[in-house]
Amino acid sequence: MDGEGGSSGLVKSAAVKLSKMGEKTKQLGTAMKDPHQQRRIILVIVCVALLLDNMLYMVIVPIIPDYLAELESEQAEHVHVVIHPNSSYNSTALDKINKNNLDIQIGVLFASKAILQLLVNPLSGTFIDRVGYDIPLLIGLSVMFVSTCIFAIAENYATLFVARSLQGLGSAFADTSGFAMIADKYTEESERSTALGIALAFISFGSLVAPPFGGVLYEFAGKKVPFIVLACICLADGLMLLTVIKPFSSRTRENMPVGTPIYKLMVDPYIVVVAGALTVCNIPLAFLEPTIANWMETNMHSTQWEMGLAWLPAFFPHVLGVYITVKLAAKHPHLQWFYGALGMVIIGASSCTVPACKTFGQLMLPLCGICFGIALVDTALLPTLAFLVDVRHTSVYGSVYAIADISYSVAYAMGPIVAGQIVHNFGFVQLNLGMGLVNVLYAPALLLLRNVCQMKPSYSERDNLLEEAPQGLYDTIKMEERRAKKKGYSAAGNSLSVDENGIDPFRAQRSLSEESSGPEYT
């Protein structure tokens, strides 16, 4: 009897637990259908994809040089034994040749990702505009998963090169579609700035945490383990994307407007100014990453752990810069150009002070300043790109964020190849002074965005026209009166429609009201 009572109690408790799990599953399904909850989940998916991409980009920093050095030494010993089995050889000369070859191989390997990303982005941006944001994100995650698996099993330089190049292909789809999806889901300016700021914080976290993460796992668990961990996270993110967004289930292509071609966006002067700022502000980080370790070893006699952790403290000022810019942008959205220009001045001043540092503690200050300035520039200008598309083109964001990705790729493609040559020919001091000067000189160019940022008040009217349908006859008449007033203003002549800044505010509003009559992406 006691056995039967115990078994029935277990059955009842199991039934209660199953019913609770069923209720939670229903609640989760209901939450996923809610637009506000769904876009939060989408933000998480995109942030994890950006985190993975940047961790995979930086996790090889402590792994690949050591791994390639082992392969190089094994090949050199094998060649020597085959050619000169009984003779002694000049090990110093051979080591110097091997080191030069190794430096070239590492530089090409590191740059191959950004170079392929640079070549693919114009095509991926157009593809994203045509098919939407979810399928390209899935393609990017799939390619990154394959790339990470190849990294884990690679045993020679050619396979590592293929894996690194594949990562660039995946990044061209995942990064661009991720940023575009955030801009599309978060249409209100302050929410968009916050969402893009969160994404940038994940990028920073991935870039700065990956080297110690990879170095520790490589030291204690071997080369494969860091890549297997990243591959599992990538797979989980892809499955979450398939579950939440269901990219192949219901396509609404007929409701999506035709995006502005990327070649037209590339000749828009305001987008060109923003793209140039994104490239210039990332040059110090891209050029210092492959050169600062050797400089620290030569001038500071730094230990391996100091060189490995050089950029880790900079994560905190980067997140602080993102937070400050998001808060300032919410209160003073018309000053986005100023936040970007201030960031470039901070980057320039910090870059110029790097060569003056004598200790590891002193070096932390300018490196933190560089990352703080980059946070200001990125957080201010990435939402500005989406806004420029909203007010000057069609509100489809694939191509414009492909241009942003191209801007980053230019800096990171040149860094591993060009920076070493500049240090060799001119010196580390001249490299930093040049990068700092370029940033300070470029900052005034963002003044060109000042007038565009003043057009932002018309964006609220665009939201009203698009999202708030007239409630009854009275609202319909009032909306018609507003449209008639605009037509009256436009007929009054250019002398009345141009303000003191030389901007026709009604021209922006007319173009926005014309856009509101077209189909919207759902």
Protein backbone atom coordinates (compact mmCIF):
# COMPACT_ATOMS: atom_id res chain seq x y z
CA MET A 1 0.00 0.00 0.00
CA ASP A 2 2.77 2.39 0.89
CA GLY A 3 4.49 1.62 -2.44
CA GLU A 4 1.30 2.30 -4.37
CA GLY A 5 0.72 5.59 -2.50
CA GLY A 6 4.30 6.69 -3.13
CA SER A 7 4.09 5.86 -6.85
CA SER A 8 0.77 7.74 -7.19
CA GLY A 9 2.31 10.74 -5.41
CA LEU A 10 5.22 10.71 -7.86
CA VAL A 11 2.79 10.54 -10.78
CA LYS A 12 0.82 13.49 -9.43
CA SER A 13 3.95 15.60 -8.83
CA ALA A 14 5.20 14.77 -12.33
CA ALA A 15 1.82 15.76 -13.80
CA VAL A 16 1.90 19.07 -11.88
CA LYS A 17 5.41 19.81 -13.10
CA LEU A 18 4.45 18.99 -16.70
CA SER A 19 1.43 21.28 -16.49
CA LYS A 20 3.59 24.10 -15.11
CA MET A 21 6.09 23.57 -17.93
CA GLY A 22 3.22 23.69 -20.42
CA GLU A 23 1.98 26.97 -18.95
CA LYS A 24 5.47 28.48 -19.08
CA THR A 25 5.83 27.35 -22.70
CA LYS A 26 2.52 29.02 -23.56
CA GLN A 27 3.62 32.21 -21.78
CA LEU A 28 6.91 32.16 -23.70
CA GLY A 29 5.05 31.68 -26.98
CA THR A 30 2.73 34.59 -26.15
CA ALA A 31 5.70 36.78 -25.22
CA MET A 32 7.43 35.97 -28.52
CA LYS A 33 4.34 37.11 -30.42
CA ASP A 34 4.31 40.46 -28.61
CA PRO A 35 6.18 42.99 -30.83
CA HIS A 36 7.96 44.69 -27.92
CA GLN A 37 9.13 41.39 -26.42
CA GLN A 38 10.09 40.06 -29.84
CA ARG A 39 12.33 42.98 -30.66
CA ARG A 40 14.09 42.56 -27.30
CA ILE A 41 14.76 38.91 -28.17
CA ILE A 42 15.96 40.01 -31.62
CA LEU A 43 18.31 42.49 -29.93
CA VAL A 44 19.72 39.65 -27.80
CA ILE A 45 20.21 37.46 -30.90
CA VAL A 46 21.99 40.25 -32.78
CA CYS A 47 24.17 41.15 -29.78
CA VAL A 48 25.26 37.51 -29.35
CA ALA A 49 26.10 37.34 -33.08
CA LEU A 50 28.22 40.51 -32.83
CA LEU A 51 29.85 39.21 -29.65
CA LEU A 52 30.76 35.94 -31.39
CA ASP A 53 32.14 37.67 -34.46
CA ASN A 54 34.44 39.91 -32.43
CA MET A 55 35.49 37.13 -30.06
CA LEU A 56 36.42 34.97 -33.05
CA TYR A 57 38.25 37.96 -34.55
CA MET A 58 40.38 38.51 -31.42
CA VAL A 59 40.57 35.03 -29.85
CA ILE A 60 43.27 34.03 -32.33
CA VAL A 61 45.60 36.83 -31.17
CA PRO A 62 47.29 34.77 -28.42
CA ILE A 63 46.78 31.41 -30.17
CA ILE A 64 47.82 31.73 -33.82
CA PRO A 65 51.30 33.32 -33.47
CA ASP A 66 52.43 30.62 -31.02
CA TYR A 67 50.76 27.85 -33.04
CA LEU A 68 52.27 29.05 -36.34
CA ALA A 69 55.69 29.38 -34.69
CA GLU A 70 55.51 25.73 -33.65
CA LEU A 71 54.53 24.68 -37.19
CA GLU A 72 57.33 26.83 -38.66
CA SER A 73 59.98 25.38 -36.36
CA GLU A 74 58.87 21.82 -37.06
CA GLN A 75 59.01 22.42 -40.82
CA ALA A 76 62.42 24.12 -40.56
CA GLU A 77 63.91 21.24 -38.55
CA HIS A 78 62.45 18.73 -40.99
CA VAL A 79 63.89 20.57 -43.99
CA HIS A 80 67.31 20.85 -42.34
CA VAL A 81 67.43 17.16 -41.45
CA VAL A 82 66.48 16.18 -45.00
CA ILE A 83 68.92 18.55 -46.73
CA HIS A 84 71.84 18.57 -44.24
CA PRO A 85 71.48 15.50 -42.04
CA ASN A 86 75.11 15.56 -40.76
CA SER A 87 76.00 19.28 -40.78
CA SER A 88 75.59 22.04 -38.24
CA TYR A 89 73.81 25.22 -39.30
CA ASN A 90 73.56 28.84 -38.27
CA SER A 91 70.49 28.73 -36.03
CA THR A 92 70.47 32.53 -35.50
CA ALA A 93 70.20 33.28 -39.22
CA LEU A 94 67.58 30.62 -39.69
CA ASP A 95 65.54 31.93 -36.76
CA LYS A 96 65.66 35.47 -38.20
CA ILE A 97 64.39 34.26 -41.58
CA ASN A 98 61.66 32.22 -39.91
CA LYS A 99 60.60 35.21 -37.78
CA ASN A 100 60.30 37.48 -40.84
CA ASN A 101 58.24 34.86 -42.66
CA LEU A 102 56.10 34.35 -39.58
CA ASP A 103 55.39 38.09 -39.22
CA ILE A 104 54.27 38.28 -42.85
CA GLN A 105 52.08 35.19 -42.50
CA ILE A 106 50.43 36.50 -39.32
CA GLY A 107 49.80 39.92 -40.88
CA VAL A 108 48.20 38.44 -43.99
CA LEU A 109 46.14 36.00 -41.92
CA PHE A 110 44.82 38.73 -39.62
CA ALA A 111 44.02 41.06 -42.53
CA SER A 112 42.35 38.42 -44.73
CA LYS A 113 39.10 38.59 -42.74
CA ALA A 114 38.71 42.36 -43.13
CA ILE A 115 39.80 42.26 -46.81
CA LEU A 116 37.16 39.67 -47.76
CA GLN A 117 34.58 41.52 -45.65
CA LEU A 118 35.48 44.69 -47.53
CA LEU A 119 34.96 42.98 -50.90
CA VAL A 120 31.70 41.22 -49.99
CA ASN A 121 29.93 44.09 -48.19
CA PRO A 122 28.67 45.94 -51.30
CA LEU A 123 27.00 42.71 -52.45
CA SER A 124 25.72 41.73 -49.00
CA GLY A 125 24.17 45.18 -48.46
CA THR A 126 22.22 44.93 -51.72
CA PHE A 127 21.20 41.35 -50.92
CA ILE A 128 19.92 42.40 -47.47
CA ASP A 129 17.86 45.21 -49.02
CA ARG A 130 16.27 42.70 -51.39
CA VAL A 131 15.45 39.79 -49.06
CA GLY A 132 15.18 41.41 -45.62
CA TYR A 133 17.34 41.11 -42.53
CA ASP A 134 16.65 37.68 -41.01
CA ILE A 135 17.84 35.31 -43.76
CA PRO A 136 21.20 37.14 -44.22
CA LEU A 137 21.70 37.00 -40.43
CA LEU A 138 21.10 33.24 -40.52
CA ILE A 139 23.52 32.89 -43.45
CA GLY A 140 26.15 34.88 -41.54
CA LEU A 141 25.77 32.75 -38.40
CA SER A 142 25.97 29.54 -40.46
CA VAL A 143 29.18 30.64 -42.21
CA MET A 144 30.69 31.75 -38.88
CA PHE A 145 29.84 28.35 -37.38
CA VAL A 146 31.62 26.55 -40.25
CA SER A 147 34.58 28.94 -39.96
CA THR A 148 34.90 28.31 -36.21
CA CYS A 149 34.82 24.53 -36.72
CA ILE A 150 37.55 24.78 -39.39
CA PHE A 151 39.68 26.84 -36.97
CA ALA A 152 39.33 24.04 -34.40
CA ILE A 153 40.55 21.29 -36.75
CA ALA A 154 43.08 23.32 -38.80
CA GLU A 155 46.63 21.98 -38.72
CA ASN A 156 48.36 24.09 -41.37
CA TYR A 157 48.51 27.69 -42.55
CA ALA A 158 46.35 27.19 -45.65
CA THR A 159 43.44 25.81 -43.61
CA LEU A 160 43.73 28.67 -41.09
CA PHE A 161 43.67 31.15 -43.98
CA VAL A 162 40.48 29.58 -45.37
CA ALA A 163 38.84 29.70 -41.93
CA ARG A 164 39.81 33.35 -41.41
CA SER A 165 38.54 34.35 -44.86
CA LEU A 166 35.28 32.47 -44.29
CA GLN A 167 34.83 34.44 -41.10
CA GLY A 168 35.02 37.65 -43.15
CA LEU A 169 32.29 36.31 -45.44
CA GLY A 170 30.06 35.49 -42.47
CA SER A 171 30.72 38.86 -40.84
CA ALA A 172 29.71 40.71 -44.01
CA PHE A 173 26.23 39.19 -43.67
CA ALA A 174 25.84 38.89 -39.88
CA ASP A 175 27.17 42.32 -38.83
CA THR A 176 25.42 44.29 -41.56
CA SER A 177 22.05 42.56 -41.22
CA GLY A 178 22.29 42.74 -37.41
CA PHE A 179 22.76 46.51 -37.32
CA ALA A 180 20.12 46.97 -40.02
CA MET A 181 17.63 44.82 -38.10
CA ILE A 182 18.13 46.91 -34.94
CA ALA A 183 17.61 50.13 -36.90
CA ASP A 184 14.47 48.71 -38.48
CA LYS A 185 12.90 47.42 -35.23
CA TYR A 186 13.78 50.49 -33.13
CA THR A 187 12.40 53.42 -35.12
CA GLU A 188 12.27 56.00 -32.31
CA GLU A 189 15.58 57.90 -32.11
CA SER A 190 16.35 57.49 -28.40
CA GLU A 191 15.42 53.78 -28.41
CA ARG A 192 17.51 53.23 -31.54
CA SER A 193 20.54 54.91 -29.94
CA THR A 194 20.13 52.79 -26.82
CA ALA A 195 19.79 49.53 -28.78
CA LEU A 196 22.80 50.28 -30.99
CA GLY A 197 24.74 51.31 -27.88
CA ILE A 198 24.01 47.92 -26.27
CA ALA A 199 25.21 46.21 -29.47
CA LEU A 200 28.44 48.25 -29.39
CA ALA A 201 29.00 47.26 -25.75
CA PHE A 202 28.79 43.60 -26.77
CA ILE A 203 31.27 44.24 -29.59
CA SER A 204 33.67 45.85 -27.12
CA PHE A 205 33.23 43.03 -24.63
CA GLY A 206 33.94 40.41 -27.30
CA SER A 207 37.02 42.19 -28.63
CA LEU A 208 38.62 42.86 -25.25
CA VAL A 209 37.73 39.63 -23.42
CA ALA A 210 38.56 37.23 -26.27
CA PRO A 211 42.40 37.40 -26.02
CA PRO A 212 42.59 36.37 -22.33
CA PHE A 213 39.75 33.87 -22.89
CA GLY A 214 41.59 32.28 -25.82
CA GLY A 215 44.98 32.44 -24.14
CA VAL A 216 43.87 30.70 -20.93
CA LEU A 217 41.96 27.92 -22.72
CA TYR A 218 44.80 27.44 -25.23
CA GLU A 219 47.33 27.16 -22.41
CA PHE A 220 45.39 24.65 -20.30
CA ALA A 221 43.06 22.84 -22.75
CA GLY A 222 44.65 23.08 -26.20
CA LYS A 223 43.91 24.88 -29.45
CA LYS A 224 40.56 23.24 -30.21
CA VAL A 225 38.67 24.09 -27.02
CA PRO A 226 38.25 27.89 -27.46
CA PHE A 227 36.84 27.40 -30.96
CA ILE A 228 34.55 24.55 -29.90
CA VAL A 229 33.06 26.77 -27.17
CA LEU A 230 32.46 29.59 -29.66
CA ALA A 231 30.98 27.17 -32.21
CA CYS A 232 28.47 25.90 -29.63
CA ILE A 233 27.39 29.47 -28.77
CA CYS A 234 27.06 30.24 -32.49
CA LEU A 235 24.90 27.17 -33.02
CA ALA A 236 22.64 28.11 -30.08
CA ASP A 237 22.24 31.64 -31.44
CA GLY A 238 21.27 30.31 -34.86
CA LEU A 239 18.69 27.96 -33.35
CA MET A 240 17.23 30.86 -31.34
CA LEU A 241 16.98 32.89 -34.55
CA LEU A 242 15.12 30.05 -36.29
CA THR A 243 12.77 29.68 -33.32
CA VAL A 244 11.92 33.34 -32.73
CA ILE A 245 11.99 34.98 -36.17
CA LYS A 246 11.30 31.91 -38.36
CA PRO A 247 12.88 33.44 -41.47
CA PHE A 248 11.49 30.84 -43.89
CA SER A 249 7.92 30.65 -42.57
CA SER A 250 6.16 33.87 -43.64
CA ARG A 251 7.84 36.17 -46.09
CA THR A 252 6.22 39.56 -46.67
CA ARG A 253 8.41 40.73 -49.51
CA GLU A 254 5.52 42.50 -51.25
CA ASN A 255 5.23 44.91 -48.29
CA MET A 256 8.92 45.87 -48.21
CA PRO A 257 9.90 49.07 -50.05
CA VAL A 258 12.75 49.06 -52.55
CA GLY A 259 15.90 50.30 -50.83
CA THR A 260 18.16 53.00 -52.22
CA PRO A 261 21.03 51.40 -54.21
CA ILE A 262 24.33 51.36 -52.38
CA TYR A 263 26.12 53.36 -55.07
CA LYS A 264 23.69 56.25 -54.52
CA LEU A 265 24.24 56.13 -50.77
CA MET A 266 28.02 56.18 -51.35
CA VAL A 267 27.78 59.56 -53.08
CA ASP A 268 25.54 61.11 -50.42
CA PRO A 269 27.90 63.72 -48.86
CA TYR A 270 26.54 63.28 -45.33
CA ILE A 271 26.89 59.50 -45.41
CA VAL A 272 30.42 59.90 -46.82
CA VAL A 273 31.36 62.18 -43.89
CA VAL A 274 30.03 59.65 -41.35
CA ALA A 275 31.74 56.71 -43.10
CA GLY A 276 35.04 58.60 -43.15
CA ALA A 277 34.76 59.36 -39.44
CA LEU A 278 34.12 55.67 -38.64
CA THR A 279 37.25 54.68 -40.59
CA VAL A 280 39.52 57.37 -39.14
CA CYS A 281 38.47 56.83 -35.52
CA ASN A 282 39.18 53.08 -35.73
CA ILE A 283 42.62 53.46 -37.31
CA PRO A 284 44.47 53.90 -33.95
CA LEU A 285 42.92 50.72 -32.54
CA ALA A 286 43.48 48.76 -35.77
CA PHE A 287 47.10 49.94 -36.12
CA LEU A 288 48.08 49.58 -32.45
CA GLU A 289 46.76 46.04 -31.98
CA PRO A 290 49.47 44.41 -34.16
CA THR A 291 52.33 46.76 -33.12
CA ILE A 292 51.96 47.68 -29.46
CA ALA A 293 53.06 44.28 -28.06
CA ASN A 294 56.52 44.50 -29.67
CA TRP A 295 56.86 48.13 -28.58
CA MET A 296 55.93 47.24 -24.99
CA GLU A 297 58.46 44.39 -24.98
CA THR A 298 61.24 46.58 -26.40
CA ASN A 299 60.66 49.81 -24.44
CA MET A 300 58.97 48.66 -21.23
CA HIS A 301 60.34 45.09 -21.01
CA SER A 302 56.75 44.03 -20.37
CA THR A 303 55.86 40.48 -19.46
CA GLN A 304 53.62 38.26 -21.56
CA TRP A 305 50.62 38.74 -19.27
CA GLU A 306 51.00 42.54 -19.43
CA MET A 307 51.00 42.44 -23.24
CA GLY A 308 48.01 40.11 -23.23
CA LEU A 309 45.99 42.28 -20.84
CA ALA A 310 46.96 45.64 -22.36
CA TRP A 311 43.51 46.31 -23.83
CA LEU A 312 41.35 44.65 -21.17
CA PRO A 313 40.98 47.70 -18.84
CA ALA A 314 39.81 49.76 -21.84
CA PHE A 315 36.52 47.82 -21.86
CA PHE A 316 35.19 49.85 -18.93
CA PRO A 317 35.71 53.34 -20.41
CA HIS A 318 34.27 52.06 -23.69
CA VAL A 319 31.05 51.00 -21.97
CA LEU A 320 31.06 54.30 -20.04
CA GLY A 321 31.39 56.21 -23.33
CA VAL A 322 28.46 54.29 -24.81
CA TYR A 323 26.32 55.02 -21.71
CA ILE A 324 27.17 58.75 -21.64
CA THR A 325 26.51 59.19 -25.37
CA VAL A 326 23.15 57.40 -25.20
CA LYS A 327 22.05 59.60 -22.29
CA LEU A 328 23.23 62.81 -23.97
CA ALA A 329 21.65 61.82 -27.29
CA ALA A 330 18.29 61.32 -25.55
CA LYS A 331 18.41 64.85 -24.08
CA HIS A 332 20.13 66.69 -26.95
CA PRO A 333 19.66 64.64 -30.15
CA HIS A 334 20.62 67.57 -32.39
CA LEU A 335 24.21 67.43 -31.04
CA GLN A 336 25.12 63.96 -32.32
CA TRP A 337 27.72 65.50 -34.62
CA PHE A 338 29.35 67.23 -31.63
CA TYR A 339 29.64 63.99 -29.63
CA GLY A 340 31.35 62.36 -32.61
CA ALA A 341 33.74 65.30 -33.09
CA LEU A 342 34.59 65.34 -29.37
CA GLY A 343 35.33 61.61 -29.52
CA MET A 344 37.72 62.10 -32.43
CA VAL A 345 39.61 64.84 -30.55
CA ILE A 346 39.93 62.54 -27.51
CA ILE A 347 41.18 59.71 -29.76
CA GLY A 348 43.73 62.04 -31.37
CA ALA A 349 45.07 63.36 -28.06
CA SER A 350 45.25 59.86 -26.55
CA SER A 351 47.04 58.43 -29.58
CA CYS A 352 49.71 61.14 -29.44
CA THR A 353 50.48 60.38 -25.78
CA VAL A 354 50.99 56.60 -26.20
CA PRO A 355 54.73 56.82 -27.11
CA ALA A 356 55.42 59.00 -24.04
CA CYS A 357 54.36 56.23 -21.62
CA LYS A 358 57.15 54.56 -19.66
CA THR A 359 55.25 52.04 -17.54
CA PHE A 360 52.34 49.65 -17.95
CA GLY A 361 50.17 51.76 -15.66
CA GLN A 362 50.83 54.93 -17.66
CA LEU A 363 49.97 53.14 -20.90
CA MET A 364 46.50 52.25 -19.60
CA LEU A 365 45.40 55.91 -19.64
CA PRO A 366 45.82 56.66 -23.38
CA LEU A 367 44.50 53.22 -24.36
CA CYS A 368 41.40 53.84 -22.24
CA GLY A 369 41.12 57.30 -23.83
CA ILE A 370 41.21 55.80 -27.33
CA CYS A 371 38.44 53.31 -26.52
CA PHE A 372 36.37 55.99 -24.76
CA GLY A 373 36.62 58.22 -27.84
CA ILE A 374 35.72 55.36 -30.20
CA ALA A 375 32.63 54.70 -28.07
CA LEU A 376 31.56 58.33 -28.45
CA VAL A 377 32.02 58.30 -32.22
CA ASP A 378 30.37 54.93 -32.88
CA THR A 379 27.42 55.50 -30.55
CA ALA A 380 26.73 58.95 -31.99
CA LEU A 381 27.21 58.19 -35.69
CA LEU A 382 25.75 54.70 -36.19
CA PRO A 383 22.18 55.90 -35.36
CA THR A 384 22.87 58.97 -37.51
CA LEU A 385 23.36 56.70 -40.54
CA ALA A 386 19.86 55.25 -40.06
CA PHE A 387 18.45 58.74 -39.58
CA LEU A 388 20.09 59.97 -42.80
CA VAL A 389 18.45 57.11 -44.68
CA ASP A 390 15.11 57.96 -43.06
CA VAL A 391 15.12 61.63 -44.06
CA ARG A 392 17.01 61.52 -47.37
CA HIS A 393 16.33 58.06 -48.83
CA THR A 394 14.10 55.01 -48.35
CA SER A 395 13.95 53.52 -44.83
CA VAL A 396 15.73 50.27 -45.72
CA TYR A 397 19.02 49.91 -43.86
CA GLY A 398 21.01 47.04 -45.37
CA SER A 399 23.14 49.10 -47.75
CA VAL A 400 23.87 51.96 -45.36
CA TYR A 401 25.15 49.59 -42.66
CA ALA A 402 27.14 47.74 -45.33
CA ILE A 403 28.86 51.09 -45.90
CA ALA A 404 29.52 51.33 -42.14
CA ASP A 405 30.99 47.81 -42.18
CA ILE A 406 33.15 48.78 -45.15
CA SER A 407 34.44 51.73 -43.11
CA TYR A 408 35.51 49.46 -40.26
CA SER A 409 36.97 46.90 -42.67
CA VAL A 410 39.18 49.51 -44.38
CA ALA A 411 40.86 50.30 -41.05
CA TYR A 412 41.24 46.67 -39.96
CA ALA A 413 42.40 45.49 -43.40
CA MET A 414 45.20 48.07 -43.47
CA GLY A 415 46.20 47.67 -39.81
CA PRO A 416 47.98 44.29 -39.76
CA ILE A 417 49.73 44.95 -43.10
CA VAL A 418 50.49 48.69 -43.13
CA ALA A 419 51.16 49.41 -39.45
CA GLY A 420 54.23 47.18 -39.23
CA GLN A 421 55.75 48.76 -42.32
CA ILE A 422 55.18 52.29 -40.95
CA VAL A 423 56.83 51.35 -37.64
CA HIS A 424 59.76 49.77 -39.51
CA ASN A 425 60.29 52.72 -41.88
CA PHE A 426 59.35 55.74 -39.73
CA GLY A 427 59.03 54.57 -36.13
CA PHE A 428 56.36 53.92 -33.51
CA VAL A 429 56.30 57.56 -32.37
CA GLN A 430 55.62 58.86 -35.88
CA LEU A 431 52.85 56.28 -36.35
CA ASN A 432 50.99 57.49 -33.25
CA LEU A 433 51.50 61.17 -33.98
CA GLY A 434 50.17 60.68 -37.51
CA MET A 435 47.09 58.79 -36.34
CA GLY A 436 46.38 61.40 -33.68
CA LEU A 437 46.78 64.28 -36.12
CA VAL A 438 44.45 62.67 -38.67
CA ASN A 439 41.72 62.27 -36.04
CA VAL A 440 42.00 65.85 -34.80
CA LEU A 441 42.00 67.26 -38.34
CA TYR A 442 38.99 65.18 -39.39
CA ALA A 443 36.83 66.23 -36.41
CA PRO A 444 35.73 69.60 -37.93
CA ALA A 445 34.31 67.73 -40.96
CA LEU A 446 31.46 66.55 -38.70
CA LEU A 447 30.25 70.17 -38.60
CA LEU A 448 28.65 69.36 -41.97
CA LEU A 449 26.17 67.16 -40.09
CA ARG A 450 25.01 70.03 -37.88
CA ASN A 451 22.27 71.20 -40.22
CA VAL A 452 21.08 67.67 -40.94
CA CYS A 453 20.70 66.94 -37.23
CA GLN A 454 18.42 70.00 -36.93
CA MET A 455 15.94 68.27 -39.23
CA LYS A 456 15.15 65.75 -36.51
CA PRO A 457 11.96 67.45 -35.22
CA SER A 458 10.24 66.56 -38.49
CA TYR A 459 10.80 62.88 -37.64
CA SER A 460 8.05 62.97 -35.01
CA GLU A 461 5.61 64.22 -37.63
CA ARG A 462 6.65 61.31 -39.85
CA ASP A 463 5.75 58.93 -37.03
CA ASN A 464 2.35 60.61 -36.64
CA LEU A 465 1.59 60.39 -40.34
CA LEU A 466 2.69 56.76 -40.57
CA GLU A 467 1.55 55.21 -37.33
CA GLU A 468 -1.42 57.20 -36.05
CA ALA A 469 -4.43 56.69 -38.28
CA PRO A 470 -7.10 59.48 -38.21
CA GLN A 471 -9.74 58.79 -35.59
CA GLY A 472 -13.03 59.92 -37.15
CA LEU A 473 -13.94 62.77 -39.50
CA TYR A 474 -12.46 65.57 -37.36
CA ASP A 475 -8.94 64.04 -37.31
CA THR A 476 -9.14 63.35 -41.05
CA ILE A 477 -10.00 67.01 -41.74
CA LYS A 478 -7.16 68.23 -39.46
CA MET A 479 -4.65 65.97 -41.23
CA GLU A 480 -5.80 67.25 -44.62
CA GLU A 481 -5.42 70.83 -43.36
CA ARG A 482 -1.84 70.11 -42.28
CA ARG A 483 -1.01 68.70 -45.70
CA ALA A 484 -2.66 71.69 -47.39
CA LYS A 485 -0.60 74.08 -45.25
CA LYS A 486 2.58 72.34 -46.37
CA LYS A 487 1.57 72.74 -50.01
CA GLY A 488 0.85 76.40 -49.34
CA TYR A 489 4.26 76.90 -47.79
CA SER A 490 5.98 75.20 -50.72
CA ALA A 491 4.13 77.47 -53.20
CA ALA A 492 5.12 80.62 -51.30
CA GLY A 493 8.61 80.58 -52.80
CA ASN A 494 12.11 79.70 -51.74
CA SER A 495 12.62 82.97 -49.85
CA LEU A 496 10.07 81.93 -47.23
CA SER A 497 11.04 78.27 -46.96
CA VAL A 498 14.75 78.62 -46.21
CA ASP A 499 15.75 79.25 -42.61
CA GLU A 500 18.82 81.01 -41.28
CA ASN A 501 20.91 77.85 -41.59
CA GLY A 502 20.19 77.52 -45.29
CA ILE A 503 17.88 74.53 -44.81
CA ASP A 504 14.42 74.13 -46.22
CA PRO A 505 12.63 72.37 -43.33
CA PHE A 506 9.45 71.86 -45.34
CA ARG A 507 11.38 70.07 -48.07
CA ALA A 508 12.33 67.35 -45.55
CA GLN A 509 8.75 67.18 -44.33
CA ARG A 510 7.37 66.98 -47.88
CA SER A 511 9.72 64.11 -48.72
CA LEU A 512 8.74 62.33 -45.52
CA SER A 513 5.04 62.74 -46.17
CA GLU A 514 5.57 61.36 -49.66
CA GLU A 515 7.37 58.36 -48.15
CA SER A 516 4.46 57.83 -45.77
CA SER A 517 2.16 57.11 -48.69
CA GLY A 518 4.38 54.21 -49.78
CA PRO A 519 4.46 50.71 -48.28
CA GLU A 520 6.24 50.11 -45.00
CA TYR A 521 8.38 47.12 -44.07
CA THR A 522 6.68 44.79 -41.66
